[in-house]
Amino acid sequence: MQKSTSTNPLDYEILIRRYDMGNRYASYCPQLGEMIKGTSHQEVEEAMKQRILQHIEELKRLHEEGSSTPA
């Protein structure tokens, strides 16, 4: 699966699932193909938001590096 190359945070979905009798949570972002597990809804949601922003910053950095390369 190819990760999204969008730099718009609104293009990324965060899906959250409760499991293990409600004691554990998992967030999943289909555009990144990544899952984060934790013990609260807020914890996994915030962690995934941060992961999405990190991915976007990596994309921007790679784009800047590519455009500053001499021809």
C-alpha atoms as a PDB file:
ATOM      1  CA  MET A   1       0.000   0.000   0.000  1.00  0.00           C
ATOM      2  CA  GLN A   2       1.255   3.455  -0.883  1.00  0.00           C
ATOM      3  CA  LYS A   3       1.056   6.175   1.757  1.00  0.00           C
ATOM      4  CA  SER A   4      -0.778   9.382   0.935  1.00  0.00           C
ATOM      5  CA  THR A   5       1.276  12.270  -0.405  1.00  0.00           C
ATOM      6  CA  SER A   6      -1.260  14.928   0.593  1.00  0.00           C
ATOM      7  CA  THR A   7      -0.049  17.754   2.812  1.00  0.00           C
ATOM      8  CA  ASN A   8      -3.609  18.608   3.895  1.00  0.00           C
ATOM      9  CA  PRO A   9      -4.340  17.091   7.345  1.00  0.00           C
ATOM     10  CA  LEU A  10      -8.055  16.981   6.464  1.00  0.00           C
ATOM     11  CA  ASP A  11      -7.314  14.350   3.794  1.00  0.00           C
ATOM     12  CA  TYR A  12      -6.415  11.821   6.515  1.00  0.00           C
ATOM     13  CA  GLU A  13      -8.987   9.724   8.375  1.00  0.00           C
ATOM     14  CA  ILE A  14      -8.632   8.520  11.944  1.00  0.00           C
ATOM     15  CA  LEU A  15     -10.649   5.427  12.817  1.00  0.00           C
ATOM     16  CA  ILE A  16     -10.829   4.447  16.482  1.00  0.00           C
ATOM     17  CA  ARG A  17     -11.863   1.067  17.838  1.00  0.00           C
ATOM     18  CA  ARG A  18     -12.437  -0.026  21.426  1.00  0.00           C
ATOM     19  CA  TYR A  19     -11.582  -3.637  22.276  1.00  0.00           C
ATOM     20  CA  ASP A  20     -10.656  -5.957  25.166  1.00  0.00           C
ATOM     21  CA  MET A  21     -13.850  -5.277  27.111  1.00  0.00           C
ATOM     22  CA  GLY A  22     -13.407  -1.535  26.625  1.00  0.00           C
ATOM     23  CA  ASN A  23     -10.012  -1.375  28.328  1.00  0.00           C
ATOM     24  CA  ARG A  24      -7.935  -0.825  25.180  1.00  0.00           C
ATOM     25  CA  TYR A  25      -8.221   1.400  22.109  1.00  0.00           C
ATOM     26  CA  ALA A  26      -6.653   1.429  18.671  1.00  0.00           C
ATOM     27  CA  SER A  27      -6.548   4.215  16.102  1.00  0.00           C
ATOM     28  CA  TYR A  28      -5.969   3.471  12.432  1.00  0.00           C
ATOM     29  CA  CYS A  29      -5.233   5.805   9.535  1.00  0.00           C
ATOM     30  CA  PRO A  30      -5.974   4.151   6.163  1.00  0.00           C
ATOM     31  CA  GLN A  31      -3.982   6.770   4.265  1.00  0.00           C
ATOM     32  CA  LEU A  32      -0.847   5.857   6.240  1.00  0.00           C
ATOM     33  CA  GLY A  33      -1.613   2.185   6.798  1.00  0.00           C
ATOM     34  CA  GLU A  34      -0.643   2.580  10.454  1.00  0.00           C
ATOM     35  CA  MET A  35      -2.237   1.625  13.763  1.00  0.00           C
ATOM     36  CA  ILE A  36      -1.536   2.977  17.243  1.00  0.00           C
ATOM     37  CA  LYS A  37      -2.741   1.195  20.392  1.00  0.00           C
ATOM     38  CA  GLY A  38      -3.326   2.667  23.828  1.00  0.00           C
ATOM     39  CA  THR A  39      -5.512   2.721  26.906  1.00  0.00           C
ATOM     40  CA  SER A  40      -7.805   5.668  26.149  1.00  0.00           C
ATOM     41  CA  HIS A  41      -9.721   7.088  23.207  1.00  0.00           C
ATOM     42  CA  GLN A  42      -8.047  10.487  23.582  1.00  0.00           C
ATOM     43  CA  GLU A  43      -4.559   8.958  23.825  1.00  0.00           C
ATOM     44  CA  VAL A  44      -4.788   7.052  20.531  1.00  0.00           C
ATOM     45  CA  GLU A  45      -6.564   9.893  18.734  1.00  0.00           C
ATOM     46  CA  GLU A  46      -3.920  12.449  19.725  1.00  0.00           C
ATOM     47  CA  ALA A  47      -1.083  10.046  18.927  1.00  0.00           C
ATOM     48  CA  MET A  48      -2.474   9.459  15.426  1.00  0.00           C
ATOM     49  CA  LYS A  49      -2.977  13.195  14.842  1.00  0.00           C
ATOM     50  CA  GLN A  50       0.666  13.721  15.755  1.00  0.00           C
ATOM     51  CA  ARG A  51       1.744  10.870  13.464  1.00  0.00           C
ATOM     52  CA  ILE A  52      -0.208  12.415  10.558  1.00  0.00           C
ATOM     53  CA  LEU A  53       1.399  15.820  11.169  1.00  0.00           C
ATOM     54  CA  GLN A  54       4.814  14.159  11.353  1.00  0.00           C
ATOM     55  CA  HIS A  55       4.157  12.424   8.009  1.00  0.00           C
ATOM     56  CA  ILE A  56       3.124  15.738   6.425  1.00  0.00           C
ATOM     57  CA  GLU A  57       6.274  17.457   7.739  1.00  0.00           C
ATOM     58  CA  GLU A  58       8.385  14.633   6.271  1.00  0.00           C
ATOM     59  CA  LEU A  59       6.666  15.128   2.896  1.00  0.00           C
ATOM     60  CA  LYS A  60       7.310  18.873   2.992  1.00  0.00           C
ATOM     61  CA  ARG A  61      10.953  18.369   3.946  1.00  0.00           C
ATOM     62  CA  LEU A  62      11.482  15.873   1.115  1.00  0.00           C
ATOM     63  CA  HIS A  63       9.820  18.253  -1.329  1.00  0.00           C
ATOM     64  CA  GLU A  64      12.039  21.136  -0.201  1.00  0.00           C
ATOM     65  CA  GLU A  65      15.171  18.981  -0.472  1.00  0.00           C
ATOM     66  CA  GLY A  66      14.154  17.870  -3.955  1.00  0.00           C
ATOM     67  CA  SER A  67      13.438  21.381  -5.188  1.00  0.00           C
ATOM     68  CA  SER A  68      16.716  22.768  -3.846  1.00  0.00           C
ATOM     69  CA  THR A  69      18.830  20.202  -5.709  1.00  0.00           C
ATOM     70  CA  PRO A  70      20.833  21.883  -8.508  1.00  0.00           C
ATOM     71  CA  ALA A  71      19.978  20.831 -12.053  1.00  0.00           C
END
